[in-house]
Amino acid sequence: MKLKDKISKIFFNIIPIILMISIIPLVKNDYLLTVIYAVIIAVAFVIKYDKKDYLVLFCGFIIMTLSEYFFISTGVETFTRNSLFGIMPLWLPVLWAYGFVAIKRVIVILNFHR
């Protein structure tokens, strides 16, 4: 696969993340934003679903929820939006979870026919 094709595939795989991050300041309700994220992820999976994407999404959600919880509990990072456990926004682990999927896909693209 040519470098140009790899870059194009990587870009299309991170579009959902760019979209999710760009709407954070526009949607003030964390619950609504989480639902919007779920719709974006569902549409992304309808467009392209790789084997075990749901497993990666689930693992990313669990890992990042726990990681963010422990990281934030140290006091190093704080959020003004704290709809999950009173310390972080509900949508944050969902965003991270899809980030895991995108990272997995990028790794596959970069390793394809080296």
PDB file of N, CA and C in Angstrom:
ATOM      1  N   MET A   1       0.846  -1.169   0.000  1.00  0.00           N
ATOM      2  CA  MET A   1       0.000   0.000   0.000  1.00  0.00           C
ATOM      3  C   MET A   1       0.897   1.239   0.000  1.00  0.00           C
ATOM      4  N   LYS A   2       0.556   2.167  -0.841  1.00  0.00           N
ATOM      5  CA  LYS A   2       1.334   3.406  -0.947  1.00  0.00           C
ATOM      6  C   LYS A   2       1.117   4.283   0.281  1.00  0.00           C
ATOM      7  N   LEU A   3       2.105   5.115   0.545  1.00  0.00           N
ATOM      8  CA  LEU A   3       2.037   6.020   1.692  1.00  0.00           C
ATOM      9  C   LEU A   3       0.802   6.913   1.608  1.00  0.00           C
ATOM     10  N   LYS A   4       0.501   7.409   0.418  1.00  0.00           N
ATOM     11  CA  LYS A   4      -0.663   8.280   0.220  1.00  0.00           C
ATOM     12  C   LYS A   4      -1.944   7.544   0.620  1.00  0.00           C
ATOM     13  N   ASP A   5      -2.062   6.273   0.257  1.00  0.00           N
ATOM     14  CA  ASP A   5      -3.238   5.477   0.614  1.00  0.00           C
ATOM     15  C   ASP A   5      -3.316   5.249   2.122  1.00  0.00           C
ATOM     16  N   LYS A   6      -2.173   5.011   2.743  1.00  0.00           N
ATOM     17  CA  LYS A   6      -2.142   4.817   4.196  1.00  0.00           C
ATOM     18  C   LYS A   6      -2.598   6.084   4.917  1.00  0.00           C
ATOM     19  N   ILE A   7      -2.073   7.222   4.475  1.00  0.00           N
ATOM     20  CA  ILE A   7      -2.445   8.501   5.100  1.00  0.00           C
ATOM     21  C   ILE A   7      -3.936   8.752   4.941  1.00  0.00           C
ATOM     22  N   SER A   8      -4.462   8.465   3.776  1.00  0.00           N
ATOM     23  CA  SER A   8      -5.890   8.644   3.518  1.00  0.00           C
ATOM     24  C   SER A   8      -6.729   7.745   4.422  1.00  0.00           C
ATOM     25  N   LYS A   9      -6.359   6.480   4.544  1.00  0.00           N
ATOM     26  CA  LYS A   9      -7.099   5.549   5.397  1.00  0.00           C
ATOM     27  C   LYS A   9      -7.020   5.973   6.868  1.00  0.00           C
ATOM     28  N   ILE A  10      -5.856   6.404   7.299  1.00  0.00           N
ATOM     29  CA  ILE A  10      -5.699   6.868   8.683  1.00  0.00           C
ATOM     30  C   ILE A  10      -6.599   8.075   8.931  1.00  0.00           C
ATOM     31  N   PHE A  11      -6.595   9.022   8.007  1.00  0.00           N
ATOM     32  CA  PHE A  11      -7.420  10.220   8.156  1.00  0.00           C
ATOM     33  C   PHE A  11      -8.895   9.859   8.294  1.00  0.00           C
ATOM     34  N   PHE A  12      -9.390   8.973   7.435  1.00  0.00           N
ATOM     35  CA  PHE A  12     -10.797   8.588   7.499  1.00  0.00           C
ATOM     36  C   PHE A  12     -11.140   7.860   8.800  1.00  0.00           C
ATOM     37  N   ASN A  13     -10.182   7.184   9.385  1.00  0.00           N
ATOM     38  CA  ASN A  13     -10.427   6.505  10.651  1.00  0.00           C
ATOM     39  C   ASN A  13     -10.427   7.448  11.851  1.00  0.00           C
ATOM     40  N   ILE A  14      -9.825   8.617  11.713  1.00  0.00           N
ATOM     41  CA  ILE A  14      -9.824   9.557  12.847  1.00  0.00           C
ATOM     42  C   ILE A  14     -10.880  10.658  12.706  1.00  0.00           C
ATOM     43  N   ILE A  15     -11.602  10.672  11.594  1.00  0.00           N
ATOM     44  CA  ILE A  15     -12.675  11.656  11.434  1.00  0.00           C
ATOM     45  C   ILE A  15     -13.672  11.612  12.596  1.00  0.00           C
ATOM     46  N   PRO A  16     -14.133  10.434  13.035  1.00  0.00           N
ATOM     47  CA  PRO A  16     -15.063  10.432  14.178  1.00  0.00           C
ATOM     48  C   PRO A  16     -14.472  11.088  15.436  1.00  0.00           C
ATOM     49  N   ILE A  17     -13.196  10.887  15.681  1.00  0.00           N
ATOM     50  CA  ILE A  17     -12.561  11.497  16.857  1.00  0.00           C
ATOM     51  C   ILE A  17     -12.519  13.017  16.708  1.00  0.00           C
ATOM     52  N   ILE A  18     -12.151  13.483  15.529  1.00  0.00           N
ATOM     53  CA  ILE A  18     -12.131  14.931  15.270  1.00  0.00           C
ATOM     54  C   ILE A  18     -13.521  15.514  15.479  1.00  0.00           C
ATOM     55  N   LEU A  19     -14.534  14.827  14.970  1.00  0.00           N
ATOM     56  CA  LEU A  19     -15.916  15.277  15.136  1.00  0.00           C
ATOM     57  C   LEU A  19     -16.311  15.300  16.605  1.00  0.00           C
ATOM     58  N   MET A  20     -15.988  14.229  17.327  1.00  0.00           N
ATOM     59  CA  MET A  20     -16.355  14.154  18.744  1.00  0.00           C
ATOM     60  C   MET A  20     -15.694  15.274  19.550  1.00  0.00           C
ATOM     61  N   ILE A  21     -14.428  15.509  19.311  1.00  0.00           N
ATOM     62  CA  ILE A  21     -13.729  16.563  20.055  1.00  0.00           C
ATOM     63  C   ILE A  21     -14.274  17.941  19.686  1.00  0.00           C
ATOM     64  N   SER A  22     -14.604  18.132  18.419  1.00  0.00           N
ATOM     65  CA  SER A  22     -15.055  19.455  17.975  1.00  0.00           C
ATOM     66  C   SER A  22     -16.424  19.837  18.533  1.00  0.00           C
ATOM     67  N   ILE A  23     -17.250  18.876  18.911  1.00  0.00           N
ATOM     68  CA  ILE A  23     -18.578  19.235  19.431  1.00  0.00           C
ATOM     69  C   ILE A  23     -18.614  19.383  20.953  1.00  0.00           C
ATOM     70  N   ILE A  24     -17.517  19.102  21.623  1.00  0.00           N
ATOM     71  CA  ILE A  24     -17.500  19.231  23.095  1.00  0.00           C
ATOM     72  C   ILE A  24     -17.938  20.626  23.549  1.00  0.00           C
ATOM     73  N   PRO A  25     -17.374  21.704  22.992  1.00  0.00           N
ATOM     74  CA  PRO A  25     -17.811  23.020  23.478  1.00  0.00           C
ATOM     75  C   PRO A  25     -19.229  23.403  23.049  1.00  0.00           C
ATOM     76  N   LEU A  26     -19.762  22.708  22.066  1.00  0.00           N
ATOM     77  CA  LEU A  26     -21.093  23.052  21.549  1.00  0.00           C
ATOM     78  C   LEU A  26     -22.225  22.383  22.330  1.00  0.00           C
ATOM     79  N   VAL A  27     -21.947  21.230  22.919  1.00  0.00           N
ATOM     80  CA  VAL A  27     -22.979  20.481  23.646  1.00  0.00           C
ATOM     81  C   VAL A  27     -22.614  20.508  25.131  1.00  0.00           C
ATOM     82  N   LYS A  28     -23.371  21.236  25.893  1.00  0.00           N
ATOM     83  CA  LYS A  28     -23.071  21.420  27.317  1.00  0.00           C
ATOM     84  C   LYS A  28     -23.606  20.295  28.196  1.00  0.00           C
ATOM     85  N   ASN A  29     -24.590  19.540  27.713  1.00  0.00           N
ATOM     86  CA  ASN A  29     -25.179  18.466  28.493  1.00  0.00           C
ATOM     87  C   ASN A  29     -24.379  17.184  28.262  1.00  0.00           C
ATOM     88  N   ASP A  30     -23.752  16.679  29.313  1.00  0.00           N
ATOM     89  CA  ASP A  30     -22.901  15.489  29.195  1.00  0.00           C
ATOM     90  C   ASP A  30     -23.664  14.245  28.749  1.00  0.00           C
ATOM     91  N   TYR A  31     -24.901  14.120  29.182  1.00  0.00           N
ATOM     92  CA  TYR A  31     -25.702  12.949  28.807  1.00  0.00           C
ATOM     93  C   TYR A  31     -26.042  12.985  27.319  1.00  0.00           C
ATOM     94  N   LEU A  32     -26.428  14.156  26.837  1.00  0.00           N
ATOM     95  CA  LEU A  32     -26.713  14.314  25.414  1.00  0.00           C
ATOM     96  C   LEU A  32     -25.450  14.093  24.589  1.00  0.00           C
ATOM     97  N   LEU A  33     -24.347  14.622  25.050  1.00  0.00           N
ATOM     98  CA  LEU A  33     -23.084  14.450  24.331  1.00  0.00           C
ATOM     99  C   LEU A  33     -22.693  12.973  24.268  1.00  0.00           C
ATOM    100  N   THR A  34     -22.927  12.243  25.335  1.00  0.00           N
ATOM    101  CA  THR A  34     -22.625  10.804  25.347  1.00  0.00           C
ATOM    102  C   THR A  34     -23.491  10.065  24.331  1.00  0.00           C
ATOM    103  N   VAL A  35     -24.758  10.434  24.253  1.00  0.00           N
ATOM    104  CA  VAL A  35     -25.660   9.821  23.266  1.00  0.00           C
ATOM    105  C   VAL A  35     -25.191  10.162  21.844  1.00  0.00           C
ATOM    106  N   ILE A  36     -24.795  11.393  21.623  1.00  0.00           N
ATOM    107  CA  ILE A  36     -24.287  11.801  20.306  1.00  0.00           C
ATOM    108  C   ILE A  36     -23.032  10.996  19.968  1.00  0.00           C
ATOM    109  N   TYR A  37     -22.154  10.813  20.948  1.00  0.00           N
ATOM    110  CA  TYR A  37     -20.952   9.998  20.728  1.00  0.00           C
ATOM    111  C   TYR A  37     -21.324   8.568  20.350  1.00  0.00           C
ATOM    112  N   ALA A  38     -22.320   8.012  21.027  1.00  0.00           N
ATOM    113  CA  ALA A  38     -22.758   6.644  20.716  1.00  0.00           C
ATOM    114  C   ALA A  38     -23.274   6.564  19.282  1.00  0.00           C
ATOM    115  N   VAL A  39     -23.994   7.574  18.853  1.00  0.00           N
ATOM    116  CA  VAL A  39     -24.497   7.604  17.469  1.00  0.00           C
ATOM    117  C   VAL A  39     -23.337   7.716  16.482  1.00  0.00           C
ATOM    118  N   ILE A  40     -22.377   8.573  16.772  1.00  0.00           N
ATOM    119  CA  ILE A  40     -21.203   8.725  15.896  1.00  0.00           C
ATOM    120  C   ILE A  40     -20.457   7.394  15.787  1.00  0.00           C
ATOM    121  N   ILE A  41     -20.263   6.725  16.902  1.00  0.00           N
ATOM    122  CA  ILE A  41     -19.566   5.434  16.893  1.00  0.00           C
ATOM    123  C   ILE A  41     -20.372   4.396  16.121  1.00  0.00           C
ATOM    124  N   ALA A  42     -21.680   4.373  16.327  1.00  0.00           N
ATOM    125  CA  ALA A  42     -22.533   3.419  15.598  1.00  0.00           C
ATOM    126  C   ALA A  42     -22.455   3.661  14.090  1.00  0.00           C
ATOM    127  N   VAL A  43     -22.514   4.905  13.684  1.00  0.00           N
ATOM    128  CA  VAL A  43     -22.408   5.232  12.252  1.00  0.00           C
ATOM    129  C   VAL A  43     -21.034   4.834  11.726  1.00  0.00           C
ATOM    130  N   ALA A  44     -19.995   5.108  12.503  1.00  0.00           N
ATOM    131  CA  ALA A  44     -18.637   4.731  12.082  1.00  0.00           C
ATOM    132  C   ALA A  44     -18.533   3.216  11.907  1.00  0.00           C
ATOM    133  N   PHE A  45     -19.171   2.459  12.792  1.00  0.00           N
ATOM    134  CA  PHE A  45     -19.138   0.995  12.694  1.00  0.00           C
ATOM    135  C   PHE A  45     -19.994   0.486  11.533  1.00  0.00           C
ATOM    136  N   VAL A  46     -21.060   1.196  11.199  1.00  0.00           N
ATOM    137  CA  VAL A  46     -21.858   0.818  10.027  1.00  0.00           C
ATOM    138  C   VAL A  46     -21.035   1.030   8.758  1.00  0.00           C
ATOM    139  N   ILE A  47     -20.305   2.136   8.720  1.00  0.00           N
ATOM    140  CA  ILE A  47     -19.471   2.440   7.554  1.00  0.00           C
ATOM    141  C   ILE A  47     -18.326   1.447   7.432  1.00  0.00           C
ATOM    142  N   LYS A  48     -17.688   1.148   8.564  1.00  0.00           N
ATOM    143  CA  LYS A  48     -16.559   0.216   8.543  1.00  0.00           C
ATOM    144  C   LYS A  48     -16.481  -0.493   9.889  1.00  0.00           C
ATOM    145  N   TYR A  49     -16.569  -1.798   9.833  1.00  0.00           N
ATOM    146  CA  TYR A  49     -16.435  -2.597  11.050  1.00  0.00           C
ATOM    147  C   TYR A  49     -15.346  -3.625  10.819  1.00  0.00           C
ATOM    148  N   ASP A  50     -14.339  -3.586  11.659  1.00  0.00           N
ATOM    149  CA  ASP A  50     -13.275  -4.590  11.618  1.00  0.00           C
ATOM    150  C   ASP A  50     -13.547  -5.618  12.707  1.00  0.00           C
ATOM    151  N   LYS A  51     -13.033  -6.793  12.475  1.00  0.00           N
ATOM    152  CA  LYS A  51     -13.211  -7.871  13.440  1.00  0.00           C
ATOM    153  C   LYS A  51     -12.755  -7.410  14.831  1.00  0.00           C
ATOM    154  N   LYS A  52     -13.579  -7.667  15.798  1.00  0.00           N
ATOM    155  CA  LYS A  52     -13.318  -7.393  17.215  1.00  0.00           C
ATOM    156  C   LYS A  52     -13.318  -5.908  17.587  1.00  0.00           C
ATOM    157  N   ASP A  53     -13.853  -5.032  16.726  1.00  0.00           N
ATOM    158  CA  ASP A  53     -13.934  -3.607  17.081  1.00  0.00           C
ATOM    159  C   ASP A  53     -14.754  -3.387  18.349  1.00  0.00           C
ATOM    160  N   TYR A  54     -15.848  -4.145  18.509  1.00  0.00           N
ATOM    161  CA  TYR A  54     -16.663  -3.982  19.716  1.00  0.00           C
ATOM    162  C   TYR A  54     -15.885  -4.393  20.965  1.00  0.00           C
ATOM    163  N   LEU A  55     -15.087  -5.423  20.853  1.00  0.00           N
ATOM    164  CA  LEU A  55     -14.279  -5.861  21.985  1.00  0.00           C
ATOM    165  C   LEU A  55     -13.241  -4.792  22.342  1.00  0.00           C
ATOM    166  N   VAL A  56     -12.602  -4.224  21.333  1.00  0.00           N
ATOM    167  CA  VAL A  56     -11.622  -3.155  21.567  1.00  0.00           C
ATOM    168  C   VAL A  56     -12.311  -1.937  22.174  1.00  0.00           C
ATOM    169  N   LEU A  57     -13.499  -1.599  21.668  1.00  0.00           N
ATOM    170  CA  LEU A  57     -14.264  -0.472  22.203  1.00  0.00           C
ATOM    171  C   LEU A  57     -14.599  -0.707  23.676  1.00  0.00           C
ATOM    172  N   PHE A  58     -15.085  -1.899  23.992  1.00  0.00           N
ATOM    173  CA  PHE A  58     -15.450  -2.232  25.373  1.00  0.00           C
ATOM    174  C   PHE A  58     -14.228  -2.195  26.288  1.00  0.00           C
ATOM    175  N   CYS A  59     -13.141  -2.821  25.842  1.00  0.00           N
ATOM    176  CA  CYS A  59     -11.911  -2.819  26.655  1.00  0.00           C
ATOM    177  C   CYS A  59     -11.389  -1.403  26.846  1.00  0.00           C
ATOM    178  N   GLY A  60     -11.418  -0.604  25.787  1.00  0.00           N
ATOM    179  CA  GLY A  60     -10.992   0.792  25.889  1.00  0.00           C
ATOM    180  C   GLY A  60     -11.835   1.563  26.887  1.00  0.00           C
ATOM    181  N   PHE A  61     -13.142   1.312  26.873  1.00  0.00           N
ATOM    182  CA  PHE A  61     -14.033   1.994  27.806  1.00  0.00           C
ATOM    183  C   PHE A  61     -13.704   1.631  29.254  1.00  0.00           C
ATOM    184  N   ILE A  62     -13.557   0.355  29.519  1.00  0.00           N
ATOM    185  CA  ILE A  62     -13.261  -0.092  30.889  1.00  0.00           C
ATOM    186  C   ILE A  62     -11.887   0.404  31.336  1.00  0.00           C
ATOM    187  N   ILE A  63     -10.886   0.198  30.499  1.00  0.00           N
ATOM    188  CA  ILE A  63      -9.517   0.598  30.845  1.00  0.00           C
ATOM    189  C   ILE A  63      -9.425   2.099  31.089  1.00  0.00           C
ATOM    190  N   MET A  64     -10.039   2.887  30.202  1.00  0.00           N
ATOM    191  CA  MET A  64      -9.913   4.337  30.344  1.00  0.00           C
ATOM    192  C   MET A  64     -10.789   4.884  31.466  1.00  0.00           C
ATOM    193  N   THR A  65     -11.904   4.248  31.746  1.00  0.00           N
ATOM    194  CA  THR A  65     -12.702   4.693  32.896  1.00  0.00           C
ATOM    195  C   THR A  65     -11.901   4.512  34.178  1.00  0.00           C
ATOM    196  N   LEU A  66     -11.313   3.343  34.340  1.00  0.00           N
ATOM    197  CA  LEU A  66     -10.500   3.086  35.535  1.00  0.00           C
ATOM    198  C   LEU A  66      -9.252   3.968  35.567  1.00  0.00           C
ATOM    199  N   SER A  67      -8.580   4.079  34.439  1.00  0.00           N
ATOM    200  CA  SER A  67      -7.356   4.892  34.376  1.00  0.00           C
ATOM    201  C   SER A  67      -7.630   6.350  34.681  1.00  0.00           C
ATOM    202  N   GLU A  68      -8.664   6.901  34.050  1.00  0.00           N
ATOM    203  CA  GLU A  68      -9.015   8.308  34.307  1.00  0.00           C
ATOM    204  C   GLU A  68      -9.439   8.496  35.763  1.00  0.00           C
ATOM    205  N   TYR A  69     -10.193   7.545  36.300  1.00  0.00           N
ATOM    206  CA  TYR A  69     -10.626   7.651  37.695  1.00  0.00           C
ATOM    207  C   TYR A  69      -9.418   7.755  38.622  1.00  0.00           C
ATOM    208  N   PHE A  70      -8.468   6.843  38.456  1.00  0.00           N
ATOM    209  CA  PHE A  70      -7.293   6.868  39.328  1.00  0.00           C
ATOM    210  C   PHE A  70      -6.415   8.089  39.063  1.00  0.00           C
ATOM    211  N   PHE A  71      -6.279   8.480  37.822  1.00  0.00           N
ATOM    212  CA  PHE A  71      -5.469   9.655  37.485  1.00  0.00           C
ATOM    213  C   PHE A  71      -6.086  10.922  38.077  1.00  0.00           C
ATOM    214  N   ILE A  72      -7.384  11.093  37.894  1.00  0.00           N
ATOM    215  CA  ILE A  72      -8.059  12.282  38.414  1.00  0.00           C
ATOM    216  C   ILE A  72      -8.063  12.281  39.940  1.00  0.00           C
ATOM    217  N   SER A  73      -8.186  11.103  40.551  1.00  0.00           N
ATOM    218  CA  SER A  73      -8.211  11.038  42.020  1.00  0.00           C
ATOM    219  C   SER A  73      -6.889  11.466  42.648  1.00  0.00           C
ATOM    220  N   THR A  74      -5.812  11.539  41.859  1.00  0.00           N
ATOM    221  CA  THR A  74      -4.539  12.038  42.379  1.00  0.00           C
ATOM    222  C   THR A  74      -4.549  13.558  42.519  1.00  0.00           C
ATOM    223  N   GLY A  75      -5.511  14.205  41.864  1.00  0.00           N
ATOM    224  CA  GLY A  75      -5.598  15.661  41.917  1.00  0.00           C
ATOM    225  C   GLY A  75      -4.786  16.355  40.844  1.00  0.00           C
ATOM    226  N   VAL A  76      -4.100  15.602  40.006  1.00  0.00           N
ATOM    227  CA  VAL A  76      -3.278  16.187  38.951  1.00  0.00           C
ATOM    228  C   VAL A  76      -4.148  16.822  37.870  1.00  0.00           C
ATOM    229  N   GLU A  77      -5.308  16.213  37.640  1.00  0.00           N
ATOM    230  CA  GLU A  77      -6.219  16.702  36.606  1.00  0.00           C
ATOM    231  C   GLU A  77      -7.606  16.813  37.216  1.00  0.00           C
ATOM    232  N   THR A  78      -8.333  17.865  36.855  1.00  0.00           N
ATOM    233  CA  THR A  78      -9.702  18.030  37.320  1.00  0.00           C
ATOM    234  C   THR A  78     -10.586  18.459  36.151  1.00  0.00           C
ATOM    235  N   PHE A  79     -11.859  18.189  36.272  1.00  0.00           N
ATOM    236  CA  PHE A  79     -12.836  18.582  35.262  1.00  0.00           C
ATOM    237  C   PHE A  79     -13.931  19.398  35.912  1.00  0.00           C
ATOM    238  N   THR A  80     -14.420  20.389  35.215  1.00  0.00           N
ATOM    239  CA  THR A  80     -15.582  21.124  35.695  1.00  0.00           C
ATOM    240  C   THR A  80     -16.858  20.377  35.351  1.00  0.00           C
ATOM    241  N   ARG A  81     -16.791  19.536  34.346  1.00  0.00           N
ATOM    242  CA  ARG A  81     -17.911  18.679  33.978  1.00  0.00           C
ATOM    243  C   ARG A  81     -17.658  17.321  34.644  1.00  0.00           C
ATOM    244  N   ASN A  82     -18.485  16.977  35.610  1.00  0.00           N
ATOM    245  CA  ASN A  82     -18.200  15.786  36.418  1.00  0.00           C
ATOM    246  C   ASN A  82     -19.421  14.875  36.574  1.00  0.00           C
ATOM    247  N   SER A  83     -20.003  14.484  35.474  1.00  0.00           N
ATOM    248  CA  SER A  83     -21.219  13.674  35.490  1.00  0.00           C
ATOM    249  C   SER A  83     -20.967  12.184  35.731  1.00  0.00           C
ATOM    250  N   LEU A  84     -19.725  11.739  35.717  1.00  0.00           N
ATOM    251  CA  LEU A  84     -19.405  10.334  35.974  1.00  0.00           C
ATOM    252  C   LEU A  84     -18.581  10.235  37.256  1.00  0.00           C
ATOM    253  N   PHE A  85     -19.122   9.579  38.241  1.00  0.00           N
ATOM    254  CA  PHE A  85     -18.474   9.407  39.551  1.00  0.00           C
ATOM    255  C   PHE A  85     -18.189  10.733  40.251  1.00  0.00           C
ATOM    256  N   GLY A  86     -18.784  11.812  39.762  1.00  0.00           N
ATOM    257  CA  GLY A  86     -18.570  13.125  40.359  1.00  0.00           C
ATOM    258  C   GLY A  86     -17.198  13.713  40.092  1.00  0.00           C
ATOM    259  N   ILE A  87     -16.432  13.109  39.167  1.00  0.00           N
ATOM    260  CA  ILE A  87     -15.073  13.616  38.927  1.00  0.00           C
ATOM    261  C   ILE A  87     -14.710  13.815  37.462  1.00  0.00           C
ATOM    262  N   MET A  88     -15.476  13.212  36.547  1.00  0.00           N
ATOM    263  CA  MET A  88     -15.136  13.341  35.123  1.00  0.00           C
ATOM    264  C   MET A  88     -16.416  13.355  34.301  1.00  0.00           C
ATOM    265  N   PRO A  89     -16.329  13.889  33.089  1.00  0.00           N
ATOM    266  CA  PRO A  89     -17.515  13.873  32.235  1.00  0.00           C
ATOM    267  C   PRO A  89     -17.836  12.455  31.748  1.00  0.00           C
ATOM    268  N   LEU A  90     -19.102  12.151  31.660  1.00  0.00           N
ATOM    269  CA  LEU A  90     -19.566  10.836  31.229  1.00  0.00           C
ATOM    270  C   LEU A  90     -19.044  10.457  29.844  1.00  0.00           C
ATOM    271  N   TRP A  91     -18.935  11.439  28.981  1.00  0.00           N
ATOM    272  CA  TRP A  91     -18.533  11.176  27.597  1.00  0.00           C
ATOM    273  C   TRP A  91     -17.045  10.876  27.447  1.00  0.00           C
ATOM    274  N   LEU A  92     -16.221  11.206  28.421  1.00  0.00           N
ATOM    275  CA  LEU A  92     -14.769  11.065  28.277  1.00  0.00           C
ATOM    276  C   LEU A  92     -14.322   9.621  28.028  1.00  0.00           C
ATOM    277  N   PRO A  93     -14.757   8.640  28.823  1.00  0.00           N
ATOM    278  CA  PRO A  93     -14.340   7.266  28.528  1.00  0.00           C
ATOM    279  C   PRO A  93     -14.885   6.750  27.186  1.00  0.00           C
ATOM    280  N   VAL A  94     -16.017   7.285  26.743  1.00  0.00           N
ATOM    281  CA  VAL A  94     -16.578   6.884  25.448  1.00  0.00           C
ATOM    282  C   VAL A  94     -15.669   7.395  24.325  1.00  0.00           C
ATOM    283  N   LEU A  95     -15.223   8.624  24.455  1.00  0.00           N
ATOM    284  CA  LEU A  95     -14.281   9.180  23.477  1.00  0.00           C
ATOM    285  C   LEU A  95     -12.984   8.371  23.463  1.00  0.00           C
ATOM    286  N   TRP A  96     -12.459   8.078  24.633  1.00  0.00           N
ATOM    287  CA  TRP A  96     -11.240   7.271  24.733  1.00  0.00           C
ATOM    288  C   TRP A  96     -11.448   5.871  24.153  1.00  0.00           C
ATOM    289  N   ALA A  97     -12.618   5.303  24.396  1.00  0.00           N
ATOM    290  CA  ALA A  97     -12.909   3.950  23.901  1.00  0.00           C
ATOM    291  C   ALA A  97     -12.821   3.909  22.376  1.00  0.00           C
ATOM    292  N   TYR A  98     -13.424   4.898  21.712  1.00  0.00           N
ATOM    293  CA  TYR A  98     -13.315   4.918  20.256  1.00  0.00           C
ATOM    294  C   TYR A  98     -11.872   5.215  19.842  1.00  0.00           C
ATOM    295  N   GLY A  99     -11.172   5.975  20.657  1.00  0.00           N
ATOM    296  CA  GLY A  99      -9.753   6.216  20.386  1.00  0.00           C
ATOM    297  C   GLY A  99      -8.971   4.909  20.325  1.00  0.00           C
ATOM    298  N   PHE A 100      -9.306   3.969  21.192  1.00  0.00           N
ATOM    299  CA  PHE A 100      -8.669   2.647  21.156  1.00  0.00           C
ATOM    300  C   PHE A 100      -8.924   1.965  19.812  1.00  0.00           C
ATOM    301  N   VAL A 101     -10.159   2.049  19.329  1.00  0.00           N
ATOM    302  CA  VAL A 101     -10.507   1.443  18.036  1.00  0.00           C
ATOM    303  C   VAL A 101      -9.695   2.089  16.923  1.00  0.00           C
ATOM    304  N   ALA A 102      -9.626   3.423  16.934  1.00  0.00           N
ATOM    305  CA  ALA A 102      -8.876   4.138  15.902  1.00  0.00           C
ATOM    306  C   ALA A 102      -7.391   3.778  15.953  1.00  0.00           C
ATOM    307  N   ILE A 103      -6.838   3.677  17.145  1.00  0.00           N
ATOM    308  CA  ILE A 103      -5.425   3.309  17.293  1.00  0.00           C
ATOM    309  C   ILE A 103      -5.176   1.911  16.732  1.00  0.00           C
ATOM    310  N   LYS A 104      -6.077   0.972  17.059  1.00  0.00           N
ATOM    311  CA  LYS A 104      -5.949  -0.390  16.527  1.00  0.00           C
ATOM    312  C   LYS A 104      -5.960  -0.376  15.001  1.00  0.00           C
ATOM    313  N   ARG A 105      -6.877   0.390  14.428  1.00  0.00           N
ATOM    314  CA  ARG A 105      -6.987   0.460  12.972  1.00  0.00           C
ATOM    315  C   ARG A 105      -5.752   1.100  12.341  1.00  0.00           C
ATOM    316  N   VAL A 106      -5.229   2.140  12.958  1.00  0.00           N
ATOM    317  CA  VAL A 106      -4.017   2.792  12.432  1.00  0.00           C
ATOM    318  C   VAL A 106      -2.840   1.827  12.461  1.00  0.00           C
ATOM    319  N   ILE A 107      -2.718   1.077  13.539  1.00  0.00           N
ATOM    320  CA  ILE A 107      -1.633   0.093  13.627  1.00  0.00           C
ATOM    321  C   ILE A 107      -1.753  -0.937  12.505  1.00  0.00           C
ATOM    322  N   VAL A 108      -2.956  -1.407  12.248  1.00  0.00           N
ATOM    323  CA  VAL A 108      -3.177  -2.355  11.164  1.00  0.00           C
ATOM    324  C   VAL A 108      -2.802  -1.729   9.820  1.00  0.00           C
ATOM    325  N   ILE A 109      -3.195  -0.494   9.598  1.00  0.00           N
ATOM    326  CA  ILE A 109      -2.876   0.196   8.342  1.00  0.00           C
ATOM    327  C   ILE A 109      -1.367   0.338   8.180  1.00  0.00           C
ATOM    328  N   LEU A 110      -0.688   0.737   9.232  1.00  0.00           N
ATOM    329  CA  LEU A 110       0.757   0.957   9.150  1.00  0.00           C
ATOM    330  C   LEU A 110       1.529  -0.348   8.975  1.00  0.00           C
ATOM    331  N   ASN A 111       1.000  -1.444   9.457  1.00  0.00           N
ATOM    332  CA  ASN A 111       1.667  -2.734   9.324  1.00  0.00           C
ATOM    333  C   ASN A 111       1.256  -3.500   8.072  1.00  0.00           C
ATOM    334  N   PHE A 112       0.299  -2.979   7.318  1.00  0.00           N
ATOM    335  CA  PHE A 112      -0.203  -3.659   6.135  1.00  0.00           C
ATOM    336  C   PHE A 112       0.864  -3.702   5.037  1.00  0.00           C
ATOM    337  N   HIS A 113       1.341  -4.870   4.677  1.00  0.00           N
ATOM    338  CA  HIS A 113       2.319  -5.067   3.599  1.00  0.00           C
ATOM    339  C   HIS A 113       3.527  -4.156   3.728  1.00  0.00           C
ATOM    340  N   ARG A 114       3.985  -3.970   4.921  1.00  0.00           N
ATOM    341  CA  ARG A 114       5.144  -3.100   5.184  1.00  0.00           C
ATOM    342  C   ARG A 114       5.834  -2.775   3.937  1.00  0.00           C
TER     343      ARG A 114
END
